[in-house]
Amino acid sequence: MKLTTYLQLFTAGSSLLFSGMAFSQRGGNIPDLIPFPMEFETSTEHYDYLLDYYEGGVVHDYMSVPKWEGLWSAGGDSGIRGQTMFLDEDGEIIPGVLTPEYEDAFRYRLDLADQAYNAGVDFDRLTTCEPAGIPRWFMEPYVREFINTPTYSLWHNDLANDTRRIYINQEHVNIDGTHFAVGDSIGFWAEDEELGDILVVHTEDIYPGDFFRGTPPTSNQAETVEIWYEWWDAENDQMKVAVNVYFYDDLMLQEPLNLVYTYQYRQDMLDAGLRIRYWECAQNDNTYLTFDEEGRPMTQYRLPGEPGYVDPRGASQTRNPDLPPGLVGQEKNPVFDDAFDFEF
């Protein structure tokens, strides 16, 4: 297993999961990565090991389950958004991280961006209304909620309505026989000597996606083991929610990745009256996919006043074929005018 400055992979020989672990202020706002306790062939092996290590965990009631209520936004991470898990300081692909096929795919993506970046060529899956999904869910910068109950956790990311449900002390169930944007997640609560209350999560059946825009693609074999906990950010004098994610993907990765993300409480958003709304892609989407003369994908944007622009406030009337045209009161937003008055 390779150890590099950018690829934080660990194989600890000790059977103790967190023995001697200390937090450092890397970047001032993220905790240290939690080492792999040992090498595992699969994410299921890893999750089962933790379940056994914590003796089945603890059972919470509504009074005792950790509360992470309110609004949160993504904070620091261990390098994914900046691609430093996959690229060195010179922008070159770090060898030995990706499988040959996925390294070639990443190079193909980078070559397209290099060739056409100044021409505005920048493809994003969100262009075609695909949800961010896992693993991108962890780092989306928009507002989110964490709702924990004794039997399941419900975690909302308002971008594209990416909602995760973590079923506590249950088994995986997939009667659909397919994959999903955020997969199928199970978990258990436990008490750790170093971290306090933790939630250990196992996620499988995940759509292929991306860590973030411009990073390598993930495959339909991606799975995660996650350790969620509260973390005191001493430098910023605030409590945060943190998660250590162990990312498995046999088709994409030569070895599992170890990542960490944090989330900060947003009292300012609460004070402003912000609420998570339903993300209706057809109503809010002013992006569209086209191709340049050489066939490279281009994400373009319609601006107010341009043909085809969709008012994100829903001011325009939607024509329902089973209603007479012009029926009063069918505008989605009765407050604003039908169109913006922009001059270019």
Protein backbone atom coordinates (compact mmCIF):
# COMPACT_ATOMS: atom_id res chain seq x y z
CA MET A 1 0.00 0.00 0.00
CA LYS A 2 1.44 3.37 -1.03
CA LEU A 3 1.77 6.31 1.36
CA THR A 4 2.11 9.75 -0.21
CA THR A 5 1.70 13.30 0.97
CA TYR A 6 -1.54 13.59 -0.93
CA LEU A 7 -3.02 10.14 -0.64
CA GLN A 8 -3.76 9.60 3.04
CA LEU A 9 -4.03 5.83 3.26
CA PHE A 10 -3.35 3.96 6.47
CA THR A 11 -2.91 0.35 7.53
CA ALA A 12 -2.46 0.22 11.29
CA GLY A 13 -1.27 -3.07 12.71
CA SER A 14 -2.87 -2.43 16.08
CA SER A 15 -6.20 -4.03 16.89
CA LEU A 16 -7.18 -0.86 18.79
CA LEU A 17 -9.11 1.43 16.51
CA PHE A 18 -8.24 4.83 17.94
CA SER A 19 -5.33 4.16 20.30
CA GLY A 20 -3.02 7.14 20.57
CA MET A 21 -4.99 9.20 18.07
CA ALA A 22 -4.53 12.96 18.31
CA PHE A 23 -6.19 15.75 16.38
CA SER A 24 -4.16 18.32 14.50
CA GLN A 25 -5.42 21.54 12.99
CA ARG A 26 -4.67 20.76 9.35
CA GLY A 27 -5.78 23.85 7.49
CA GLY A 28 -7.19 25.12 10.78
CA ASN A 29 -10.56 23.45 10.43
CA ILE A 30 -10.40 19.68 10.01
CA PRO A 31 -9.42 16.86 12.37
CA ASP A 32 -6.85 14.19 11.63
CA LEU A 33 -7.87 11.21 9.58
CA ILE A 34 -8.78 8.14 11.62
CA PRO A 35 -6.45 5.32 10.51
CA PHE A 36 -7.73 2.10 9.03
CA PRO A 37 -7.59 -0.38 11.94
CA MET A 38 -6.28 -2.97 9.45
CA GLU A 39 -6.65 -3.90 5.79
CA PHE A 40 -10.06 -5.17 4.71
CA GLU A 41 -11.03 -6.90 1.50
CA THR A 42 -14.46 -5.25 1.45
CA SER A 43 -16.35 -2.40 3.08
CA THR A 44 -18.71 -4.96 4.63
CA GLU A 45 -15.75 -6.61 6.40
CA HIS A 46 -14.71 -3.19 7.69
CA TYR A 47 -18.21 -2.32 8.96
CA ASP A 48 -18.65 -5.72 10.61
CA TYR A 49 -15.28 -5.29 12.33
CA LEU A 50 -16.39 -1.96 13.81
CA LEU A 51 -19.74 -3.44 14.86
CA ASP A 52 -17.87 -6.18 16.71
CA TYR A 53 -15.26 -3.77 18.11
CA TYR A 54 -18.00 -1.64 19.66
CA GLU A 55 -19.90 -4.73 20.84
CA GLY A 56 -22.97 -3.95 18.80
CA GLY A 57 -23.05 -0.28 19.76
CA VAL A 58 -25.60 1.45 21.97
CA VAL A 59 -29.36 1.90 21.59
CA HIS A 60 -30.62 5.48 21.94
CA ASP A 61 -34.07 6.79 22.71
CA TYR A 62 -35.42 10.18 21.61
CA MET A 63 -33.94 11.88 24.66
CA SER A 64 -30.43 10.47 24.35
CA VAL A 65 -29.83 10.38 20.57
CA PRO A 66 -27.31 13.10 19.56
CA LYS A 67 -29.05 16.21 18.24
CA TRP A 68 -27.54 18.04 15.25
CA GLU A 69 -30.53 20.22 14.54
CA GLY A 70 -30.51 23.52 12.65
CA LEU A 71 -28.80 24.44 9.40
CA TRP A 72 -25.27 23.42 8.43
CA SER A 73 -22.92 23.96 5.52
CA ALA A 74 -19.85 22.06 4.39
CA GLY A 75 -16.57 23.19 5.92
CA GLY A 76 -13.05 21.85 5.43
CA ASP A 77 -12.14 18.57 3.79
CA SER A 78 -8.99 16.54 3.31
CA GLY A 79 -8.35 17.60 -0.26
CA ILE A 80 -11.02 16.13 -2.51
CA ARG A 81 -12.47 19.42 -3.69
CA GLY A 82 -8.97 20.57 -4.56
CA GLN A 83 -8.30 17.19 -6.20
CA THR A 84 -5.17 16.70 -4.08
CA MET A 85 -6.07 13.09 -3.48
CA PHE A 86 -5.48 12.48 -7.17
CA LEU A 87 -3.21 15.29 -8.43
CA ASP A 88 0.18 16.44 -7.19
CA GLU A 89 1.27 20.05 -6.78
CA ASP A 90 2.16 20.22 -10.48
CA GLY A 91 -1.29 19.06 -11.53
CA GLU A 92 -0.04 15.63 -12.57
CA ILE A 93 -1.99 12.46 -11.79
CA ILE A 94 -0.52 10.66 -8.77
CA PRO A 95 0.42 7.15 -9.94
CA GLY A 96 -0.84 4.08 -8.13
CA VAL A 97 -4.07 5.61 -6.81
CA LEU A 98 -6.50 4.88 -9.63
CA THR A 99 -6.82 1.66 -11.58
CA PRO A 100 -5.38 1.94 -15.13
CA GLU A 101 -8.82 2.22 -16.74
CA TYR A 102 -9.98 4.95 -14.38
CA GLU A 103 -6.66 6.76 -14.57
CA ASP A 104 -7.13 6.88 -18.34
CA ALA A 105 -10.68 8.15 -17.86
CA PHE A 106 -9.48 10.87 -15.49
CA ARG A 107 -6.78 11.89 -17.98
CA TYR A 108 -9.41 12.03 -20.72
CA ARG A 109 -11.52 14.35 -18.54
CA LEU A 110 -8.52 16.54 -17.71
CA ASP A 111 -7.48 16.73 -21.37
CA LEU A 112 -10.94 17.94 -22.36
CA ALA A 113 -10.84 20.62 -19.68
CA ASP A 114 -7.31 21.74 -20.64
CA GLN A 115 -8.18 21.96 -24.32
CA ALA A 116 -11.38 23.89 -23.92
CA TYR A 117 -11.44 25.55 -20.51
CA ASN A 118 -10.98 29.09 -21.81
CA ALA A 119 -13.74 28.47 -24.36
CA GLY A 120 -16.21 27.76 -21.57
CA VAL A 121 -16.26 23.97 -21.90
CA ASP A 122 -16.98 22.59 -18.45
CA PHE A 123 -19.36 19.64 -18.14
CA ASP A 124 -21.16 18.91 -14.90
CA ARG A 125 -23.60 16.05 -14.27
CA LEU A 126 -25.95 18.59 -12.71
CA THR A 127 -26.45 20.01 -16.21
CA THR A 128 -28.70 17.07 -17.03
CA CYS A 129 -30.51 17.25 -13.67
CA GLU A 130 -28.60 14.33 -12.16
CA PRO A 131 -28.35 14.53 -8.36
CA ALA A 132 -24.92 15.12 -6.85
CA GLY A 133 -25.02 11.73 -5.12
CA ILE A 134 -22.26 10.09 -3.11
CA PRO A 135 -19.40 10.88 -2.74
CA ARG A 136 -20.07 14.45 -3.94
CA TRP A 137 -22.86 14.73 -1.35
CA PHE A 138 -20.25 15.06 1.40
CA MET A 139 -18.77 18.27 0.01
CA GLU A 140 -21.67 20.10 -1.67
CA PRO A 141 -21.41 23.67 -0.33
CA TYR A 142 -25.12 24.34 0.07
CA VAL A 143 -27.21 24.25 3.22
CA ARG A 144 -28.15 20.94 4.85
CA GLU A 145 -29.95 19.47 7.86
CA PHE A 146 -29.08 16.52 10.12
CA ILE A 147 -32.09 14.92 11.81
CA ASN A 148 -31.31 11.96 14.08
CA THR A 149 -33.88 9.61 15.60
CA PRO A 150 -33.38 6.33 17.47
CA THR A 151 -34.36 4.25 14.41
CA TYR A 152 -33.04 6.26 11.49
CA SER A 153 -31.22 9.46 10.57
CA LEU A 154 -32.56 11.77 7.87
CA TRP A 155 -29.93 14.05 6.35
CA HIS A 156 -31.02 16.64 3.78
CA ASN A 157 -28.78 18.38 1.28
CA ASP A 158 -30.92 20.97 -0.47
CA LEU A 159 -28.99 20.69 -3.74
CA ALA A 160 -31.12 18.44 -5.96
CA ASN A 161 -33.00 17.08 -2.93
CA ASP A 162 -30.18 14.68 -2.13
CA THR A 163 -31.56 13.15 1.08
CA ARG A 164 -29.82 10.31 2.87
CA ARG A 165 -31.63 7.90 5.17
CA ILE A 166 -29.46 5.88 7.56
CA TYR A 167 -31.37 2.97 9.05
CA ILE A 168 -30.12 2.34 12.59
CA ASN A 169 -29.45 -1.24 13.74
CA GLN A 170 -30.90 -2.69 10.54
CA GLU A 171 -29.67 -4.67 7.54
CA HIS A 172 -29.34 -3.52 3.94
CA VAL A 173 -32.55 -3.90 1.92
CA ASN A 174 -32.75 -3.46 -1.85
CA ILE A 175 -35.93 -4.91 -3.31
CA ASP A 176 -35.50 -2.73 -6.42
CA GLY A 177 -32.42 -4.58 -7.64
CA THR A 178 -30.67 -1.39 -8.72
CA HIS A 179 -28.52 1.45 -7.39
CA PHE A 180 -29.42 4.91 -6.09
CA ALA A 181 -27.80 8.35 -6.04
CA VAL A 182 -27.02 8.19 -2.31
CA GLY A 183 -27.08 4.39 -2.05
CA ASP A 184 -28.57 2.34 0.77
CA SER A 185 -27.22 3.16 4.25
CA ILE A 186 -27.33 1.36 7.58
CA GLY A 187 -25.59 2.28 10.82
CA PHE A 188 -25.24 2.01 14.58
CA TRP A 189 -24.44 4.43 17.39
CA ALA A 190 -21.52 3.73 19.72
CA GLU A 191 -19.54 5.38 22.48
CA ASP A 192 -15.85 5.92 21.72
CA GLU A 193 -13.30 6.84 24.39
CA GLU A 194 -11.69 9.50 22.19
CA LEU A 195 -14.62 10.84 20.17
CA GLY A 196 -17.65 10.36 22.42
CA ASP A 197 -20.88 9.55 20.59
CA ILE A 198 -20.21 8.24 17.09
CA LEU A 199 -22.44 7.00 14.30
CA VAL A 200 -20.89 4.28 12.14
CA VAL A 201 -22.50 4.04 8.69
CA HIS A 202 -22.19 1.54 5.85
CA THR A 203 -23.41 2.57 2.39
CA GLU A 204 -23.67 0.42 -0.73
CA ASP A 205 -25.65 0.34 -4.01
CA ILE A 206 -24.40 3.79 -5.10
CA TYR A 207 -24.76 5.26 -8.59
CA PRO A 208 -21.50 6.02 -10.41
CA GLY A 209 -20.66 9.67 -9.84
CA ASP A 210 -17.80 12.03 -8.93
CA PHE A 211 -16.06 13.23 -5.78
CA PHE A 212 -16.60 16.71 -7.11
CA ARG A 213 -16.62 18.46 -10.48
CA GLY A 214 -13.35 17.82 -12.29
CA THR A 215 -12.30 14.83 -10.16
CA PRO A 216 -12.12 11.21 -11.33
CA PRO A 217 -15.39 9.35 -11.89
CA THR A 218 -16.47 6.69 -9.43
CA SER A 219 -17.92 3.34 -10.47
CA ASN A 220 -21.08 1.41 -9.63
CA GLN A 221 -18.99 -0.65 -7.19
CA ALA A 222 -18.41 2.29 -4.83
CA GLU A 223 -19.17 1.72 -1.13
CA THR A 224 -18.37 3.62 2.06
CA VAL A 225 -17.79 3.11 5.77
CA GLU A 226 -18.30 6.36 7.70
CA ILE A 227 -17.64 7.47 11.26
CA TRP A 228 -19.66 10.58 12.24
CA TYR A 229 -19.01 12.55 15.42
CA GLU A 230 -18.99 16.03 16.97
CA TRP A 231 -15.64 17.82 16.86
CA TRP A 232 -14.52 20.94 18.68
CA ASP A 233 -12.73 23.29 16.27
CA ALA A 234 -10.50 25.09 18.77
CA GLU A 235 -9.08 27.52 16.24
CA ASN A 236 -12.53 28.80 15.29
CA ASP A 237 -14.03 28.22 18.77
CA GLN A 238 -17.03 26.25 17.55
CA MET A 239 -18.49 22.77 17.58
CA LYS A 240 -18.70 21.07 14.20
CA VAL A 241 -19.95 17.77 12.85
CA ALA A 242 -17.18 15.72 11.26
CA VAL A 243 -17.11 12.49 9.30
CA ASN A 244 -14.26 10.16 8.44
CA VAL A 245 -15.13 8.34 5.21
CA TYR A 246 -13.41 5.16 4.09
CA PHE A 247 -14.15 4.90 0.37
CA TYR A 248 -14.04 1.49 -1.36
CA ASP A 249 -14.27 1.04 -5.13
CA ASP A 250 -12.61 -2.00 -6.70
CA LEU A 251 -13.10 -0.75 -10.26
CA MET A 252 -11.80 2.76 -9.59
CA LEU A 253 -9.21 2.50 -6.81
CA GLN A 254 -6.14 0.36 -6.31
CA GLU A 255 -6.58 0.78 -2.54
CA PRO A 256 -9.41 2.26 -0.43
CA LEU A 257 -9.26 6.00 0.30
CA ASN A 258 -9.47 7.66 3.71
CA LEU A 259 -11.15 11.09 3.71
CA VAL A 260 -12.46 13.57 6.27
CA TYR A 261 -15.12 16.28 5.95
CA THR A 262 -16.53 18.81 8.42
CA TYR A 263 -19.79 20.77 8.66
CA GLN A 264 -20.30 24.08 10.43
CA TYR A 265 -23.42 25.33 12.16
CA ARG A 266 -25.04 28.31 10.37
CA GLN A 267 -26.78 30.50 12.90
CA ASP A 268 -26.55 33.36 10.39
CA MET A 269 -28.76 31.44 7.96
CA LEU A 270 -31.27 30.68 10.69
CA ASP A 271 -31.33 34.33 11.73
CA ALA A 272 -31.99 35.34 8.12
CA GLY A 273 -34.99 33.00 7.98
CA LEU A 274 -33.49 30.62 5.44
CA ARG A 275 -35.39 27.37 4.98
CA ILE A 276 -34.59 24.38 2.83
CA ARG A 277 -36.93 24.38 -0.15
CA TYR A 278 -37.77 21.68 -2.64
CA TRP A 279 -35.28 21.73 -5.52
CA GLU A 280 -37.35 21.46 -8.69
CA CYS A 281 -34.79 20.91 -11.41
CA ALA A 282 -37.13 21.74 -14.30
CA GLN A 283 -38.01 25.05 -12.67
CA ASN A 284 -34.50 26.09 -11.67
CA ASP A 285 -32.42 24.66 -14.48
CA ASN A 286 -31.04 27.26 -16.88
CA THR A 287 -28.14 25.11 -17.97
CA TYR A 288 -28.10 23.00 -21.08
CA LEU A 289 -25.71 20.58 -22.74
CA THR A 290 -24.22 21.25 -26.14
CA PHE A 291 -21.00 20.37 -27.95
CA ASP A 292 -18.31 22.41 -29.64
CA GLU A 293 -17.11 21.88 -33.21
CA GLU A 294 -14.78 19.10 -32.10
CA GLY A 295 -17.48 17.27 -30.17
CA ARG A 296 -16.38 18.31 -26.68
CA PRO A 297 -19.20 18.64 -24.11
CA MET A 298 -20.17 22.18 -23.16
CA THR A 299 -22.34 23.25 -20.23
CA GLN A 300 -23.93 26.55 -21.20
CA TYR A 301 -26.19 28.91 -19.23
CA ARG A 302 -29.30 30.85 -20.21
CA LEU A 303 -29.38 34.32 -18.65
CA PRO A 304 -32.40 36.46 -17.77
CA GLY A 305 -33.84 37.94 -20.94
CA GLU A 306 -32.46 35.22 -23.21
CA PRO A 307 -34.77 32.83 -25.07
CA GLY A 308 -35.61 29.78 -22.98
CA TYR A 309 -34.66 31.35 -19.64
CA VAL A 310 -36.65 29.85 -16.75
CA ASP A 311 -37.53 32.16 -13.88
CA PRO A 312 -36.28 30.30 -10.78
CA ARG A 313 -39.03 31.92 -8.71
CA GLY A 314 -41.59 29.97 -10.75
CA ALA A 315 -43.35 33.09 -11.99
CA SER A 316 -44.26 31.75 -15.42
CA GLN A 317 -47.50 29.88 -15.92
CA THR A 318 -47.23 26.18 -16.64
CA ARG A 319 -49.69 25.04 -19.31
CA ASN A 320 -51.53 21.93 -18.12
CA PRO A 321 -53.08 20.08 -21.06
CA ASP A 322 -56.16 19.15 -19.01
CA LEU A 323 -57.01 22.80 -18.15
CA PRO A 324 -58.27 25.63 -20.37
CA PRO A 325 -55.53 28.04 -21.47
CA GLY A 326 -55.21 31.26 -19.47
CA LEU A 327 -56.96 29.94 -16.34
CA VAL A 328 -56.44 32.56 -13.64
CA GLY A 329 -54.36 31.62 -10.58
CA GLN A 330 -52.25 28.91 -12.25
CA GLU A 331 -48.97 30.83 -12.02
CA LYS A 332 -46.56 29.12 -9.64
CA ASN A 333 -45.66 32.46 -8.10
CA PRO A 334 -48.38 35.15 -7.90
CA VAL A 335 -46.05 37.78 -6.38
CA PHE A 336 -43.64 38.63 -9.17
CA ASP A 337 -44.18 39.73 -12.75
CA ASP A 338 -44.11 37.07 -15.46
CA ALA A 339 -40.78 38.18 -16.86
CA PHE A 340 -37.70 40.08 -15.81
CA ASP A 341 -36.97 43.39 -17.50
CA PHE A 342 -33.28 43.11 -18.29
CA GLU A 343 -31.22 45.07 -20.78
CA PHE A 344 -27.91 43.79 -22.11
